[in-house]
Amino acid sequence: MAASIPTTLLAAAVLLACAIPLASSFAPPSSGICKGASTRRTGYRTPGIRIGAPPTPTSLASAAPSDTDQSSDVPAAVGSTAERVEDCKRELTQQCNSHNFGGYSSGIESKIKELEQLGEDAGFGQASALSGLMSGEWELIYASDDVTRSSPFFWAFRRAFPDNSDQIFGITDAIPAPIKEVGPATQTIDVDSNARPVTGSLVSRVKVATLGGVATSMMTTRCTVISADGLDGLRVKVETTKPEDSTILQKLGPLGELVNSSSPPFPSGEALEQVAPGSSEVVLRTTYCDEGLRVTRNDDRPEEDVFVWKRVGFGSGSTVSL
């Protein structure tokens, strides 16, 4: 049970994973041991989605017909709605770019809800679990909390330790810059929407720098997509977590490369399952996703954990007909 685990030990584990990125690079292999009800958006009016690769993106391309269909017979109402979506996306992106990275903004959250509503009303950016547009490389541009919370590892950790997680996160969050600096964060997603159940993989990478940037590494969590959860959810299972690309190890030359390549990843999913069965599985609820922008919420905390991602590359995911 989570209550039987000393809080100090839990805090130390998270500190090793977040604030001391070199720790596991030198650690020996290990075989054992990271509020709100879920809401569902309904009323999707999603247009038919064609099988095939996603179209080439524009600077702020969307899933709207105006982005993929240049014919002159597009109804004026559709074109007007698409323009409203594009304007909203542009404003949201501008607000994210001007906001201090990692932290709540009421203005950004309001603009996110506006985009979600526009997309739902018009059927743009919907059915993310099946559209194939989730696949690709994504860069985080807004996090309602600390940037590390964009990793599914921390979502799963909260499920395993619901009574202690806030206290532990508070310890790591309180470490000031330049002792600890976090970002950028990326996700690489590959989803096979044709499979039943939907399958794929997700790799979360968050850069963590300590000691004024002297030591940096990429905290990497690897997950397996095990199914779709409705039209806009992906259920993923956390598998492993490991600091990669350590700058200290790179300075050691061949020896450092050997240590980095031979040190096994931490089996974080297995460890969480030992504490609370089922805790390693979390749901990414993506309320808007097109060729350029994605809004994803932690399904356990949809109002508290909100993230905006911009696409930096397409993946190999396929689409299905709806």
Protein backbone atom coordinates (compact mmCIF):
# COMPACT_ATOMS: atom_id res chain seq x y z
CA MET A 1 0.00 0.00 0.00
CA ALA A 2 1.18 3.56 -0.72
CA ALA A 3 0.76 4.54 2.93
CA SER A 4 3.45 2.07 4.02
CA ILE A 5 6.12 3.73 1.87
CA PRO A 6 8.10 6.41 3.78
CA THR A 7 7.57 9.83 2.23
CA THR A 8 11.28 10.58 2.42
CA LEU A 9 12.08 7.55 0.28
CA LEU A 10 9.46 8.53 -2.26
CA ALA A 11 10.85 12.07 -2.42
CA ALA A 12 14.35 10.70 -2.93
CA ALA A 13 13.16 8.51 -5.81
CA VAL A 14 11.57 11.44 -7.61
CA LEU A 15 14.57 13.66 -6.97
CA LEU A 16 16.79 11.04 -8.58
CA ALA A 17 14.50 10.90 -11.59
CA CYS A 18 13.97 14.66 -11.98
CA ALA A 19 16.59 16.77 -10.27
CA ILE A 20 19.65 14.54 -10.48
CA PRO A 21 19.63 13.30 -14.07
CA LEU A 22 22.98 11.49 -13.82
CA ALA A 23 21.98 9.20 -10.99
CA SER A 24 20.69 6.20 -12.93
CA SER A 25 23.51 6.43 -15.46
CA PHE A 26 25.89 5.11 -12.82
CA ALA A 27 23.41 2.93 -10.96
CA PRO A 28 23.68 -0.87 -11.17
CA PRO A 29 20.93 -2.80 -12.96
CA SER A 30 17.78 -3.22 -10.91
CA SER A 31 14.92 -5.67 -11.28
CA GLY A 32 12.40 -3.74 -9.19
CA ILE A 33 11.66 -0.57 -8.25
CA CYS A 34 6.99 8.09 -10.83
CA LYS A 35 -8.49 15.45 -8.18
CA GLY A 36 -10.89 15.59 -10.53
CA ALA A 37 -13.16 13.06 -12.17
CA SER A 38 -12.73 12.34 -15.84
CA THR A 39 -14.93 14.32 -18.16
CA ARG A 40 -16.07 13.21 -21.59
CA ARG A 41 -16.69 15.58 -24.46
CA THR A 42 -19.72 14.51 -26.41
CA GLY A 43 -21.52 15.56 -29.52
CA TYR A 44 -18.73 14.97 -32.04
CA ARG A 45 -19.68 15.77 -35.57
CA THR A 46 -16.60 14.46 -37.27
CA PRO A 47 -16.46 14.46 -41.09
CA GLY A 48 -15.33 11.33 -42.90
CA ILE A 49 -11.60 10.77 -42.63
CA ARG A 50 -9.78 9.25 -45.55
CA ILE A 51 -7.31 6.41 -45.23
CA GLY A 52 -3.80 7.53 -46.02
CA ALA A 53 -0.93 9.69 -44.84
CA PRO A 54 -1.69 13.09 -43.33
CA PRO A 55 -1.47 16.03 -45.72
CA THR A 56 1.60 18.24 -45.81
CA PRO A 57 1.22 20.83 -43.02
CA THR A 58 1.05 24.57 -43.41
CA SER A 59 2.41 26.89 -40.76
CA LEU A 60 -0.74 26.47 -38.71
CA ALA A 61 -2.56 23.80 -40.70
CA SER A 62 -5.74 22.32 -39.31
CA ALA A 63 -8.01 19.41 -39.97
CA ALA A 64 -10.51 21.76 -41.53
CA PRO A 65 -11.63 21.12 -45.12
CA SER A 66 -10.16 24.48 -46.15
CA ASP A 67 -6.67 23.13 -45.47
CA THR A 68 -6.95 20.02 -47.55
CA ASP A 69 -9.55 20.88 -50.15
CA GLN A 70 -8.79 23.88 -52.34
CA SER A 71 -11.87 23.48 -54.52
CA SER A 72 -14.03 26.54 -55.05
CA ASP A 73 -17.27 24.80 -54.07
CA VAL A 74 -16.53 24.76 -50.32
CA PRO A 75 -19.60 26.28 -48.61
CA ALA A 76 -19.04 29.80 -47.31
CA ALA A 77 -20.14 28.78 -43.82
CA VAL A 78 -17.47 26.04 -43.70
CA GLY A 79 -14.80 28.46 -44.89
CA SER A 80 -15.85 31.02 -42.28
CA THR A 81 -15.74 28.43 -39.50
CA ALA A 82 -12.32 27.25 -40.62
CA GLU A 83 -11.05 30.81 -40.49
CA ARG A 84 -12.33 31.17 -36.94
CA VAL A 85 -10.52 28.00 -35.94
CA GLU A 86 -7.31 29.20 -37.56
CA ASP A 87 -7.58 32.61 -35.90
CA CYS A 88 -8.13 30.96 -32.52
CA LYS A 89 -5.14 28.66 -33.02
CA ARG A 90 -2.94 31.57 -34.03
CA GLU A 91 -3.93 33.57 -30.96
CA LEU A 92 -3.43 30.54 -28.70
CA THR A 93 0.03 29.89 -30.12
CA GLN A 94 1.01 33.53 -29.66
CA GLN A 95 -0.14 33.49 -26.05
CA CYS A 96 1.78 30.28 -25.35
CA ASN A 97 4.95 31.69 -26.89
CA SER A 98 4.79 34.81 -24.73
CA HIS A 99 3.98 32.95 -21.49
CA ASN A 100 6.63 31.80 -19.02
CA PHE A 101 7.12 28.11 -19.75
CA GLY A 102 5.53 25.81 -17.20
CA GLY A 103 2.73 27.41 -15.19
CA TYR A 104 -0.98 28.17 -15.24
CA SER A 105 -2.41 31.01 -17.33
CA SER A 106 -6.12 31.86 -17.14
CA GLY A 107 -5.93 33.60 -20.52
CA ILE A 108 -4.39 30.60 -22.24
CA GLU A 109 -6.82 28.20 -20.57
CA SER A 110 -9.74 30.32 -21.80
CA LYS A 111 -8.35 30.30 -25.33
CA ILE A 112 -7.88 26.52 -25.15
CA LYS A 113 -11.53 26.05 -24.21
CA GLU A 114 -12.54 28.36 -27.03
CA LEU A 115 -10.58 26.25 -29.53
CA GLU A 116 -12.03 23.03 -28.13
CA GLN A 117 -15.56 24.38 -28.48
CA LEU A 118 -14.98 25.69 -32.01
CA GLY A 119 -13.50 22.36 -33.04
CA GLU A 120 -16.32 20.36 -31.50
CA ASP A 121 -19.04 22.53 -33.00
CA ALA A 122 -17.53 22.35 -36.50
CA GLY A 123 -16.15 18.81 -36.35
CA PHE A 124 -12.54 19.98 -36.76
CA GLY A 125 -9.64 18.37 -34.89
CA GLN A 126 -11.89 15.66 -33.44
CA ALA A 127 -11.69 11.86 -33.03
CA SER A 128 -7.97 12.10 -32.32
CA ALA A 129 -7.64 8.44 -31.35
CA LEU A 130 -8.72 7.33 -34.82
CA SER A 131 -7.74 10.16 -37.15
CA GLY A 132 -4.07 9.17 -37.40
CA LEU A 133 -3.00 12.75 -36.65
CA MET A 134 -1.71 11.90 -33.17
CA SER A 135 1.29 10.20 -34.75
CA GLY A 136 4.35 12.37 -35.09
CA GLU A 137 6.86 14.47 -33.19
CA TRP A 138 5.41 17.10 -30.85
CA GLU A 139 6.98 19.95 -28.86
CA LEU A 140 5.35 21.27 -25.70
CA ILE A 141 4.44 24.98 -25.79
CA TYR A 142 2.16 25.18 -22.74
CA ALA A 143 1.88 23.25 -19.48
CA SER A 144 -0.57 24.23 -16.75
CA ASP A 145 1.91 22.87 -14.18
CA ASP A 146 5.61 22.08 -14.04
CA VAL A 147 6.92 20.95 -17.43
CA THR A 148 7.85 17.52 -16.04
CA ARG A 149 4.12 16.81 -15.58
CA SER A 150 3.78 16.46 -19.35
CA SER A 151 5.36 13.01 -18.97
CA PRO A 152 2.87 10.16 -18.45
CA PHE A 153 5.25 8.86 -15.78
CA PHE A 154 4.08 11.59 -13.39
CA TRP A 155 0.44 10.93 -14.20
CA ALA A 156 0.99 7.29 -13.29
CA PHE A 157 2.99 8.21 -10.20
CA ARG A 158 0.07 10.26 -8.92
CA ARG A 159 -2.23 7.27 -9.43
CA ALA A 160 0.12 5.05 -7.42
CA PHE A 161 0.63 7.58 -4.60
CA PRO A 162 -2.53 9.73 -4.48
CA ASP A 163 -1.93 10.82 -0.87
CA ASN A 164 1.76 11.70 -1.17
CA SER A 165 2.32 12.88 -4.74
CA ASP A 166 1.51 16.57 -4.18
CA GLN A 167 3.93 16.75 -1.24
CA ILE A 168 6.69 15.06 -3.23
CA PHE A 169 6.13 17.15 -6.35
CA GLY A 170 6.26 20.24 -4.15
CA ILE A 171 9.76 19.30 -2.99
CA THR A 172 11.12 18.94 -6.51
CA ASP A 173 9.25 21.98 -7.83
CA ALA A 174 10.72 24.13 -5.08
CA ILE A 175 14.29 23.57 -6.30
CA PRO A 176 15.10 26.98 -7.78
CA ALA A 177 16.87 27.87 -11.00
CA PRO A 178 19.68 27.63 -11.85
CA ILE A 179 20.05 24.57 -9.59
CA LYS A 180 17.31 22.89 -11.62
CA GLU A 181 15.92 24.00 -14.97
CA VAL A 182 13.41 22.02 -17.03
CA GLY A 183 12.61 22.08 -20.75
CA PRO A 184 12.14 21.70 -23.60
CA ALA A 185 9.79 18.71 -23.65
CA THR A 186 8.83 16.56 -26.63
CA GLN A 187 6.68 13.52 -27.37
CA THR A 188 7.09 11.03 -30.20
CA ILE A 189 3.85 9.17 -30.87
CA ASP A 190 3.24 6.30 -33.29
CA VAL A 191 -0.35 5.02 -33.41
CA ASP A 192 -1.82 2.28 -35.60
CA SER A 193 -5.43 3.41 -35.75
CA ASN A 194 -6.39 0.48 -37.99
CA ALA A 195 -5.48 -2.09 -35.34
CA ARG A 196 -8.14 -3.43 -32.99
CA PRO A 197 -7.46 -2.55 -30.30
CA VAL A 198 -5.58 0.56 -31.35
CA THR A 199 -1.88 0.07 -30.59
CA GLY A 200 1.33 2.04 -30.77
CA SER A 201 4.03 3.72 -28.72
CA LEU A 202 4.71 7.03 -27.00
CA VAL A 203 8.14 8.34 -25.98
CA SER A 204 8.23 11.35 -23.66
CA ARG A 205 11.45 13.36 -23.38
CA VAL A 206 11.98 16.21 -20.91
CA LYS A 207 15.31 17.99 -20.68
CA VAL A 208 16.51 18.48 -17.10
CA ALA A 209 19.52 20.66 -16.29
CA THR A 210 21.17 20.85 -12.87
CA LEU A 211 24.00 22.86 -11.32
CA GLY A 212 23.50 25.81 -13.59
CA GLY A 213 23.49 23.73 -16.73
CA VAL A 214 26.73 21.90 -15.95
CA ALA A 215 24.88 18.58 -15.95
CA THR A 216 21.99 17.98 -18.33
CA SER A 217 20.14 14.91 -19.50
CA MET A 218 16.92 13.96 -21.23
CA MET A 219 14.47 12.25 -18.88
CA THR A 220 12.96 9.67 -21.22
CA THR A 221 9.81 7.68 -20.45
CA ARG A 222 8.72 4.99 -22.88
CA CYS A 223 5.08 3.92 -23.02
CA THR A 224 2.98 1.42 -24.95
CA VAL A 225 -0.34 2.46 -26.46
CA ILE A 226 -2.67 -0.38 -25.49
CA SER A 227 -6.06 0.86 -26.75
CA ALA A 228 -8.24 3.77 -27.70
CA ASP A 229 -10.51 5.19 -25.01
CA GLY A 230 -13.49 6.55 -26.86
CA LEU A 231 -12.92 8.73 -29.92
CA ASP A 232 -10.44 11.12 -28.31
CA GLY A 233 -8.54 9.07 -25.75
CA LEU A 234 -5.43 6.89 -25.89
CA ARG A 235 -4.75 4.52 -23.02
CA VAL A 236 -1.01 4.12 -22.53
CA LYS A 237 1.04 1.96 -20.19
CA VAL A 238 4.22 3.40 -18.72
CA GLU A 239 7.07 0.95 -19.26
CA THR A 240 10.48 2.48 -18.43
CA THR A 241 12.15 5.74 -17.43
CA LYS A 242 15.80 6.66 -17.98
CA PRO A 243 18.00 9.77 -18.13
CA GLU A 244 19.57 9.78 -21.60
CA ASP A 245 22.13 11.97 -23.41
CA SER A 246 23.98 12.94 -20.24
CA THR A 247 26.44 15.78 -20.87
CA ILE A 248 28.72 14.55 -18.10
CA LEU A 249 28.93 11.11 -19.65
CA GLN A 250 29.58 12.64 -23.05
CA LYS A 251 32.65 14.38 -21.62
CA LEU A 252 34.03 10.98 -20.62
CA GLY A 253 34.29 9.96 -24.27
CA PRO A 254 34.08 6.23 -25.11
CA LEU A 255 33.77 5.28 -21.43
CA GLY A 256 30.81 7.57 -21.00
CA GLU A 257 29.16 6.20 -24.13
CA LEU A 258 29.65 2.67 -22.80
CA VAL A 259 28.08 3.55 -19.44
CA ASN A 260 25.16 5.31 -21.09
CA SER A 261 24.43 2.49 -23.53
CA SER A 262 24.86 -0.35 -21.03
CA SER A 263 22.92 1.08 -18.09
CA PRO A 264 19.39 -0.34 -18.20
CA PRO A 265 16.30 1.88 -18.02
CA PHE A 266 14.40 1.96 -14.75
CA PRO A 267 11.31 -0.32 -14.95
CA SER A 268 9.03 2.43 -13.66
CA GLY A 269 5.82 0.82 -14.90
CA GLU A 270 6.57 -2.44 -13.13
CA ALA A 271 7.48 -0.59 -9.95
CA LEU A 272 4.23 1.39 -9.96
CA GLU A 273 2.21 -1.78 -10.54
CA GLN A 274 3.78 -3.31 -7.42
CA VAL A 275 2.53 -0.35 -5.39
CA ALA A 276 -0.94 -0.05 -6.95
CA PRO A 277 -2.09 -2.47 -9.67
CA GLY A 278 -3.32 -0.58 -12.71
CA SER A 279 -1.54 2.63 -11.80
CA SER A 280 0.91 2.39 -14.72
CA GLU A 281 -1.95 2.91 -17.19
CA VAL A 282 -3.13 6.45 -17.93
CA VAL A 283 -5.36 8.05 -20.57
CA LEU A 284 -4.33 10.95 -22.79
CA ARG A 285 -7.56 12.80 -23.53
CA THR A 286 -6.85 14.84 -26.66
CA THR A 287 -9.64 17.33 -27.15
CA TYR A 288 -8.18 18.91 -30.30
CA CYS A 289 -5.63 17.58 -32.78
CA ASP A 290 -4.89 18.55 -36.36
CA GLU A 291 -1.87 18.85 -38.63
CA GLY A 292 -0.29 21.61 -36.53
CA LEU A 293 -1.59 21.74 -32.96
CA ARG A 294 -2.70 19.37 -30.19
CA VAL A 295 -4.46 19.91 -26.86
CA THR A 296 -4.15 17.00 -24.45
CA ARG A 297 -5.46 16.60 -20.90
CA ASN A 298 -4.69 14.06 -18.20
CA ASP A 299 -7.97 12.15 -18.05
CA ASP A 300 -7.63 11.79 -14.27
CA ARG A 301 -7.23 15.57 -13.84
CA PRO A 302 -8.71 17.19 -16.96
CA GLU A 303 -8.95 20.68 -15.47
CA GLU A 304 -5.56 20.68 -13.70
CA ASP A 305 -3.25 18.96 -16.19
CA VAL A 306 -3.61 20.72 -19.55
CA PHE A 307 -0.95 20.71 -22.28
CA VAL A 308 -0.61 22.33 -25.69
CA TRP A 309 1.74 20.76 -28.22
CA LYS A 310 2.87 21.99 -31.63
CA ARG A 311 3.81 19.51 -34.34
CA VAL A 312 7.41 19.39 -35.52
CA GLY A 313 7.03 16.28 -37.68
CA PHE A 314 4.57 13.68 -38.96
CA GLY A 315 4.66 10.02 -38.05
CA SER A 316 3.61 6.86 -39.83
CA GLY A 317 0.19 6.56 -38.21
CA SER A 318 -2.70 5.66 -40.49
CA THR A 319 -6.28 6.93 -40.48
CA VAL A 320 -9.56 5.10 -40.58
CA SER A 321 -12.92 5.82 -42.18
CA LEU A 322 -15.61 6.98 -39.80
